[in-house]
């Protein structure tokens, strides 16, 4: 049960990250001064954001959440 709560909270964080990323991409495309600079910044932002997102997913799902919850609820186990 606690694992589902952790996954739900993580899903909220991921959705928030996606919304903020789209907000940033929108502003980079619409309010950029130079079109060449716009393309460079968009590519840089998308590559870095994708790398951070994928590493975050890999690290999150590598954690054994059942073990973490058991140890948090019963530290002597």
PDB file of N, CA and C in Angstrom:
ATOM      1  N   UNK A   1       0.817  -1.192   0.000  1.00  0.00           N
ATOM      2  CA  UNK A   1       0.000   0.000   0.000  1.00  0.00           C
ATOM      3  C   UNK A   1       0.864   1.261   0.000  1.00  0.00           C
ATOM      4  N   UNK A   2       1.894   1.254   0.834  1.00  0.00           N
ATOM      5  CA  UNK A   2       2.773   2.421   0.902  1.00  0.00           C
ATOM      6  C   UNK A   2       3.530   2.614  -0.407  1.00  0.00           C
ATOM      7  N   UNK A   3       3.845   1.520  -1.086  1.00  0.00           N
ATOM      8  CA  UNK A   3       4.542   1.618  -2.358  1.00  0.00           C
ATOM      9  C   UNK A   3       3.666   2.315  -3.404  1.00  0.00           C
ATOM     10  N   UNK A   4       2.380   2.042  -3.381  1.00  0.00           N
ATOM     11  CA  UNK A   4       1.469   2.714  -4.318  1.00  0.00           C
ATOM     12  C   UNK A   4       1.388   4.208  -4.039  1.00  0.00           C
ATOM     13  N   UNK A   5       1.432   4.585  -2.778  1.00  0.00           N
ATOM     14  CA  UNK A   5       1.423   6.004  -2.422  1.00  0.00           C
ATOM     15  C   UNK A   5       2.695   6.675  -2.917  1.00  0.00           C
ATOM     16  N   UNK A   6       3.830   6.009  -2.749  1.00  0.00           N
ATOM     17  CA  UNK A   6       5.103   6.552  -3.225  1.00  0.00           C
ATOM     18  C   UNK A   6       5.076   6.704  -4.748  1.00  0.00           C
ATOM     19  N   UNK A   7       4.560   5.709  -5.451  1.00  0.00           N
ATOM     20  CA  UNK A   7       4.462   5.782  -6.919  1.00  0.00           C
ATOM     21  C   UNK A   7       3.523   6.900  -7.361  1.00  0.00           C
ATOM     22  N   UNK A   8       2.416   7.091  -6.642  1.00  0.00           N
ATOM     23  CA  UNK A   8       1.484   8.163  -6.981  1.00  0.00           C
ATOM     24  C   UNK A   8       2.131   9.532  -6.785  1.00  0.00           C
ATOM     25  N   UNK A   9       2.862   9.694  -5.694  1.00  0.00           N
ATOM     26  CA  UNK A   9       3.553  10.961  -5.464  1.00  0.00           C
ATOM     27  C   UNK A   9       4.634  11.203  -6.511  1.00  0.00           C
ATOM     28  N   UNK A  10       5.328  10.157  -6.899  1.00  0.00           N
ATOM     29  CA  UNK A  10       6.340  10.285  -7.937  1.00  0.00           C
ATOM     30  C   UNK A  10       5.698  10.652  -9.281  1.00  0.00           C
ATOM     31  N   UNK A  11       4.533  10.089  -9.563  1.00  0.00           N
ATOM     32  CA  UNK A  11       3.822  10.420 -10.799  1.00  0.00           C
ATOM     33  C   UNK A  11       3.447  11.903 -10.820  1.00  0.00           C
ATOM     34  N   UNK A  12       3.047  12.433  -9.676  1.00  0.00           N
ATOM     35  CA  UNK A  12       2.731  13.864  -9.592  1.00  0.00           C
ATOM     36  C   UNK A  12       3.974  14.694  -9.889  1.00  0.00           C
ATOM     37  N   UNK A  13       5.114  14.282  -9.367  1.00  0.00           N
ATOM     38  CA  UNK A  13       6.361  15.001  -9.623  1.00  0.00           C
ATOM     39  C   UNK A  13       6.732  14.937 -11.104  1.00  0.00           C
ATOM     40  N   UNK A  14       6.575  13.787 -11.729  1.00  0.00           N
ATOM     41  CA  UNK A  14       6.907  13.622 -13.146  1.00  0.00           C
ATOM     42  C   UNK A  14       5.973  14.461 -14.020  1.00  0.00           C
ATOM     43  N   UNK A  15       4.694  14.485 -13.694  1.00  0.00           N
ATOM     44  CA  UNK A  15       3.742  15.300 -14.459  1.00  0.00           C
ATOM     45  C   UNK A  15       4.078  16.776 -14.315  1.00  0.00           C
ATOM     46  N   UNK A  16       4.434  17.192 -13.105  1.00  0.00           N
ATOM     47  CA  UNK A  16       4.836  18.583 -12.878  1.00  0.00           C
ATOM     48  C   UNK A  16       6.085  18.916 -13.685  1.00  0.00           C
ATOM     49  N   UNK A  17       7.051  18.010 -13.706  1.00  0.00           N
ATOM     50  CA  UNK A  17       8.271  18.206 -14.496  1.00  0.00           C
ATOM     51  C   UNK A  17       7.944  18.375 -15.972  1.00  0.00           C
ATOM     52  N   UNK A  18       7.030  17.561 -16.489  1.00  0.00           N
ATOM     53  CA  UNK A  18       6.656  17.643 -17.906  1.00  0.00           C
ATOM     54  C   UNK A  18       5.964  18.968 -18.216  1.00  0.00           C
ATOM     55  N   UNK A  19       5.072  19.397 -17.350  1.00  0.00           N
ATOM     56  CA  UNK A  19       4.371  20.670 -17.572  1.00  0.00           C
ATOM     57  C   UNK A  19       5.347  21.833 -17.554  1.00  0.00           C
ATOM     58  N   UNK A  20       6.253  21.839 -16.598  1.00  0.00           N
ATOM     59  CA  UNK A  20       7.244  22.914 -16.512  1.00  0.00           C
ATOM     60  C   UNK A  20       8.166  22.890 -17.729  1.00  0.00           C
ATOM     61  N   UNK A  21       8.528  21.697 -18.194  1.00  0.00           N
ATOM     62  CA  UNK A  21       9.386  21.595 -19.382  1.00  0.00           C
ATOM     63  C   UNK A  21       8.694  22.163 -20.614  1.00  0.00           C
ATOM     64  N   UNK A  22       7.416  21.846 -20.805  1.00  0.00           N
ATOM     65  CA  UNK A  22       6.684  22.411 -21.933  1.00  0.00           C
ATOM     66  C   UNK A  22       6.576  23.928 -21.815  1.00  0.00           C
ATOM     67  N   UNK A  23       6.395  24.424 -20.614  1.00  0.00           N
ATOM     68  CA  UNK A  23       6.340  25.866 -20.368  1.00  0.00           C
ATOM     69  C   UNK A  23       7.662  26.525 -20.776  1.00  0.00           C
ATOM     70  N   UNK A  24       8.776  25.904 -20.417  1.00  0.00           N
ATOM     71  CA  UNK A  24      10.093  26.447 -20.766  1.00  0.00           C
ATOM     72  C   UNK A  24      10.317  26.394 -22.276  1.00  0.00           C
ATOM     73  N   UNK A  25       9.969  25.282 -22.910  1.00  0.00           N
ATOM     74  CA  UNK A  25      10.134  25.165 -24.362  1.00  0.00           C
ATOM     75  C   UNK A  25       9.280  26.211 -25.079  1.00  0.00           C
ATOM     76  N   UNK A  26       8.075  26.420 -24.626  1.00  0.00           N
ATOM     77  CA  UNK A  26       7.213  27.437 -25.230  1.00  0.00           C
ATOM     78  C   UNK A  26       7.874  28.814 -25.161  1.00  0.00           C
ATOM     79  N   UNK A  27       8.392  29.163 -23.999  1.00  0.00           N
ATOM     80  CA  UNK A  27       8.997  30.477 -23.858  1.00  0.00           C
ATOM     81  C   UNK A  27      10.319  30.594 -24.616  1.00  0.00           C
ATOM     82  N   UNK A  28      11.065  29.505 -24.707  1.00  0.00           N
ATOM     83  CA  UNK A  28      12.288  29.538 -25.510  1.00  0.00           C
ATOM     84  C   UNK A  28      11.981  29.744 -26.987  1.00  0.00           C
ATOM     85  N   UNK A  29      10.899  29.160 -27.466  1.00  0.00           N
ATOM     86  CA  UNK A  29      10.571  29.298 -28.887  1.00  0.00           C
ATOM     87  C   UNK A  29       9.923  30.637 -29.216  1.00  0.00           C
ATOM     88  N   UNK A  30       9.111  31.153 -28.339  1.00  0.00           N
ATOM     89  CA  UNK A  30       8.367  32.368 -28.653  1.00  0.00           C
ATOM     90  C   UNK A  30       9.079  33.662 -28.272  1.00  0.00           C
ATOM     91  N   UNK A  31       9.972  33.618 -27.336  1.00  0.00           N
ATOM     92  CA  UNK A  31      10.586  34.852 -26.853  1.00  0.00           C
ATOM     93  C   UNK A  31      12.100  34.876 -27.013  1.00  0.00           C
ATOM     94  N   UNK A  32      12.617  34.090 -27.929  1.00  0.00           N
ATOM     95  CA  UNK A  32      14.045  34.091 -28.192  1.00  0.00           C
ATOM     96  C   UNK A  32      14.412  35.263 -29.097  1.00  0.00           C
ATOM     97  N   UNK A  33      15.574  35.841 -28.848  1.00  0.00           N
ATOM     98  CA  UNK A  33      16.007  37.008 -29.607  1.00  0.00           C
ATOM     99  C   UNK A  33      16.486  36.614 -31.000  1.00  0.00           C
ATOM    100  N   UNK A  34      17.266  35.554 -31.085  1.00  0.00           N
ATOM    101  CA  UNK A  34      17.881  35.145 -32.347  1.00  0.00           C
ATOM    102  C   UNK A  34      17.427  33.735 -32.691  1.00  0.00           C
ATOM    103  N   UNK A  35      17.109  33.484 -33.961  1.00  0.00           N
ATOM    104  CA  UNK A  35      16.597  32.162 -34.347  1.00  0.00           C
ATOM    105  C   UNK A  35      17.671  31.080 -34.247  1.00  0.00           C
ATOM    106  N   UNK A  36      18.926  31.394 -34.554  1.00  0.00           N
ATOM    107  CA  UNK A  36      20.001  30.402 -34.394  1.00  0.00           C
ATOM    108  C   UNK A  36      20.196  30.062 -32.924  1.00  0.00           C
ATOM    109  N   UNK A  37      20.169  31.074 -32.091  1.00  0.00           N
ATOM    110  CA  UNK A  37      20.315  30.865 -30.654  1.00  0.00           C
ATOM    111  C   UNK A  37      19.137  30.059 -30.109  1.00  0.00           C
ATOM    112  N   UNK A  38      17.948  30.284 -30.667  1.00  0.00           N
ATOM    113  CA  UNK A  38      16.758  29.560 -30.240  1.00  0.00           C
ATOM    114  C   UNK A  38      16.929  28.060 -30.472  1.00  0.00           C
ATOM    115  N   UNK A  39      17.428  27.689 -31.644  1.00  0.00           N
ATOM    116  CA  UNK A  39      17.611  26.270 -31.967  1.00  0.00           C
ATOM    117  C   UNK A  39      18.646  25.641 -31.049  1.00  0.00           C
ATOM    118  N   UNK A  40      19.740  26.330 -30.818  1.00  0.00           N
ATOM    119  CA  UNK A  40      20.790  25.802 -29.935  1.00  0.00           C
ATOM    120  C   UNK A  40      20.251  25.611 -28.522  1.00  0.00           C
ATOM    121  N   UNK A  41      19.525  26.598 -28.018  1.00  0.00           N
ATOM    122  CA  UNK A  41      18.996  26.509 -26.658  1.00  0.00           C
ATOM    123  C   UNK A  41      17.939  25.413 -26.534  1.00  0.00           C
ATOM    124  N   UNK A  42      17.108  25.262 -27.554  1.00  0.00           N
ATOM    125  CA  UNK A  42      16.100  24.198 -27.518  1.00  0.00           C
ATOM    126  C   UNK A  42      16.745  22.820 -27.514  1.00  0.00           C
ATOM    127  N   UNK A  43      17.725  22.622 -28.382  1.00  0.00           N
ATOM    128  CA  UNK A  43      18.416  21.330 -28.427  1.00  0.00           C
ATOM    129  C   UNK A  43      19.112  21.057 -27.088  1.00  0.00           C
ATOM    130  N   UNK A  44      19.802  22.069 -26.572  1.00  0.00           N
ATOM    131  CA  UNK A  44      20.499  21.910 -25.299  1.00  0.00           C
ATOM    132  C   UNK A  44      19.518  21.589 -24.173  1.00  0.00           C
ATOM    133  N   UNK A  45      18.406  22.318 -24.100  1.00  0.00           N
ATOM    134  CA  UNK A  45      17.427  22.088 -23.043  1.00  0.00           C
ATOM    135  C   UNK A  45      16.809  20.704 -23.147  1.00  0.00           C
ATOM    136  N   UNK A  46      16.429  20.303 -24.353  1.00  0.00           N
ATOM    137  CA  UNK A  46      15.781  18.998 -24.528  1.00  0.00           C
ATOM    138  C   UNK A  46      16.744  17.865 -24.195  1.00  0.00           C
ATOM    139  N   UNK A  47      17.990  17.954 -24.631  1.00  0.00           N
ATOM    140  CA  UNK A  47      18.970  16.894 -24.360  1.00  0.00           C
ATOM    141  C   UNK A  47      19.255  16.787 -22.861  1.00  0.00           C
ATOM    142  N   UNK A  48      19.495  17.915 -22.217  1.00  0.00           N
ATOM    143  CA  UNK A  48      19.791  17.894 -20.780  1.00  0.00           C
ATOM    144  C   UNK A  48      18.580  17.431 -19.982  1.00  0.00           C
ATOM    145  N   UNK A  49      17.403  17.930 -20.317  1.00  0.00           N
ATOM    146  CA  UNK A  49      16.188  17.527 -19.598  1.00  0.00           C
ATOM    147  C   UNK A  49      15.898  16.042 -19.782  1.00  0.00           C
ATOM    148  N   UNK A  50      16.074  15.545 -20.989  1.00  0.00           N
ATOM    149  CA  UNK A  50      15.842  14.114 -21.231  1.00  0.00           C
ATOM    150  C   UNK A  50      16.838  13.262 -20.450  1.00  0.00           C
ATOM    151  N   UNK A  51      18.095  13.695 -20.409  1.00  0.00           N
ATOM    152  CA  UNK A  51      19.091  12.957 -19.641  1.00  0.00           C
ATOM    153  C   UNK A  51      18.774  12.944 -18.159  1.00  0.00           C
ATOM    154  N   UNK A  52      18.392  14.084 -17.627  1.00  0.00           N
ATOM    155  CA  UNK A  52      18.020  14.147 -16.211  1.00  0.00           C
ATOM    156  C   UNK A  52      16.780  13.312 -15.922  1.00  0.00           C
ATOM    157  N   UNK A  53      15.803  13.369 -16.819  1.00  0.00           N
ATOM    158  CA  UNK A  53      14.573  12.606 -16.642  1.00  0.00           C
ATOM    159  C   UNK A  53      14.839  11.100 -16.657  1.00  0.00           C
ATOM    160  N   UNK A  54      15.621  10.651 -17.621  1.00  0.00           N
ATOM    161  CA  UNK A  54      15.905   9.214 -17.716  1.00  0.00           C
ATOM    162  C   UNK A  54      16.742   8.714 -16.544  1.00  0.00           C
ATOM    163  N   UNK A  55      17.716   9.510 -16.109  1.00  0.00           N
ATOM    164  CA  UNK A  55      18.512   9.088 -14.952  1.00  0.00           C
ATOM    165  C   UNK A  55      17.659   9.077 -13.688  1.00  0.00           C
ATOM    166  N   UNK A  56      16.738  10.021 -13.575  1.00  0.00           N
ATOM    167  CA  UNK A  56      15.840  10.046 -12.432  1.00  0.00           C
ATOM    168  C   UNK A  56      14.947   8.806 -12.420  1.00  0.00           C
ATOM    169  N   UNK A  57      14.384   8.455 -13.564  1.00  0.00           N
ATOM    170  CA  UNK A  57      13.553   7.244 -13.642  1.00  0.00           C
ATOM    171  C   UNK A  57      14.345   5.995 -13.285  1.00  0.00           C
ATOM    172  N   UNK A  58      15.549   5.886 -13.826  1.00  0.00           N
ATOM    173  CA  UNK A  58      16.364   4.701 -13.555  1.00  0.00           C
ATOM    174  C   UNK A  58      16.704   4.585 -12.082  1.00  0.00           C
ATOM    175  N   UNK A  59      17.065   5.689 -11.467  1.00  0.00           N
ATOM    176  CA  UNK A  59      17.406   5.647 -10.047  1.00  0.00           C
ATOM    177  C   UNK A  59      16.182   5.389  -9.180  1.00  0.00           C
ATOM    178  N   UNK A  60      15.052   5.988  -9.527  1.00  0.00           N
ATOM    179  CA  UNK A  60      13.842   5.786  -8.727  1.00  0.00           C
ATOM    180  C   UNK A  60      13.401   4.327  -8.753  1.00  0.00           C
ATOM    181  N   UNK A  61      13.398   3.724  -9.934  1.00  0.00           N
ATOM    182  CA  UNK A  61      12.925   2.343 -10.032  1.00  0.00           C
ATOM    183  C   UNK A  61      13.980   1.318  -9.628  1.00  0.00           C
ATOM    184  N   UNK A  62      15.189   1.748  -9.339  1.00  0.00           N
ATOM    185  CA  UNK A  62      16.193   0.810  -8.836  1.00  0.00           C
ATOM    186  C   UNK A  62      16.090   0.632  -7.319  1.00  0.00           C
ATOM    187  N   UNK A  63      15.297   1.471  -6.675  1.00  0.00           N
ATOM    188  CA  UNK A  63      15.130   1.387  -5.218  1.00  0.00           C
ATOM    189  C   UNK A  63      14.074   0.339  -4.898  1.00  0.00           C
ATOM    190  N   UNK A  64      14.365  -0.492  -3.926  1.00  0.00           N
ATOM    191  CA  UNK A  64      13.396  -1.470  -3.442  1.00  0.00           C
ATOM    192  C   UNK A  64      12.516  -0.766  -2.401  1.00  0.00           C
ATOM    193  N   UNK A  65      11.373  -0.261  -2.839  1.00  0.00           N
ATOM    194  CA  UNK A  65      10.529   0.552  -1.961  1.00  0.00           C
ATOM    195  C   UNK A  65       9.908  -0.255  -0.834  1.00  0.00           C
ATOM    196  N   UNK A  66       9.655  -1.536  -1.044  1.00  0.00           N
ATOM    197  CA  UNK A  66       9.099  -2.358   0.044  1.00  0.00           C
ATOM    198  C   UNK A  66      10.091  -2.435   1.195  1.00  0.00           C
ATOM    199  N   UNK A  67      11.352  -2.613   0.896  1.00  0.00           N
ATOM    200  CA  UNK A  67      12.379  -2.668   1.932  1.00  0.00           C
ATOM    201  C   UNK A  67      12.507  -1.330   2.650  1.00  0.00           C
ATOM    202  N   UNK A  68      12.456  -0.242   1.908  1.00  0.00           N
ATOM    203  CA  UNK A  68      12.571   1.087   2.510  1.00  0.00           C
ATOM    204  C   UNK A  68      11.413   1.345   3.465  1.00  0.00           C
ATOM    205  N   UNK A  69      10.199   0.997   3.037  1.00  0.00           N
ATOM    206  CA  UNK A  69       9.024   1.237   3.875  1.00  0.00           C
ATOM    207  C   UNK A  69       9.079   0.381   5.138  1.00  0.00           C
ATOM    208  N   UNK A  70       9.485  -0.869   5.006  1.00  0.00           N
ATOM    209  CA  UNK A  70       9.591  -1.744   6.184  1.00  0.00           C
ATOM    210  C   UNK A  70      10.618  -1.199   7.168  1.00  0.00           C
ATOM    211  N   UNK A  71      11.760  -0.756   6.678  1.00  0.00           N
ATOM    212  CA  UNK A  71      12.796  -0.240   7.564  1.00  0.00           C
ATOM    213  C   UNK A  71      12.389   1.097   8.200  1.00  0.00           C
ATOM    214  N   UNK A  72      11.614   1.902   7.485  1.00  0.00           N
ATOM    215  CA  UNK A  72      11.135   3.155   8.065  1.00  0.00           C
ATOM    216  C   UNK A  72      10.107   2.935   9.154  1.00  0.00           C
ATOM    217  N   UNK A  73       9.224   1.954   8.926  1.00  0.00           N
ATOM    218  CA  UNK A  73       8.158   1.693   9.885  1.00  0.00           C
ATOM    219  C   UNK A  73       8.637   0.855  11.062  1.00  0.00           C
ATOM    220  N   UNK A  74       9.640   0.016  10.856  1.00  0.00           N
ATOM    221  CA  UNK A  74      10.167  -0.833  11.910  1.00  0.00           C
ATOM    222  C   UNK A  74      11.691  -0.795  11.844  1.00  0.00           C
ATOM    223  N   UNK A  75      12.315   0.179  12.513  1.00  0.00           N
ATOM    224  CA  UNK A  75      13.774   0.345  12.393  1.00  0.00           C
ATOM    225  C   UNK A  75      14.583  -0.832  12.965  1.00  0.00           C
ATOM    226  N   UNK A  76      14.000  -1.638  13.817  1.00  0.00           N
ATOM    227  CA  UNK A  76      14.738  -2.756  14.434  1.00  0.00           C
ATOM    228  C   UNK A  76      14.721  -4.010  13.579  1.00  0.00           C
ATOM    229  N   UNK A  77      13.972  -4.017  12.495  1.00  0.00           N
ATOM    230  CA  UNK A  77      13.867  -5.221  11.657  1.00  0.00           C
ATOM    231  C   UNK A  77      15.086  -5.399  10.780  1.00  0.00           C
TER     232      UNK A  77
END
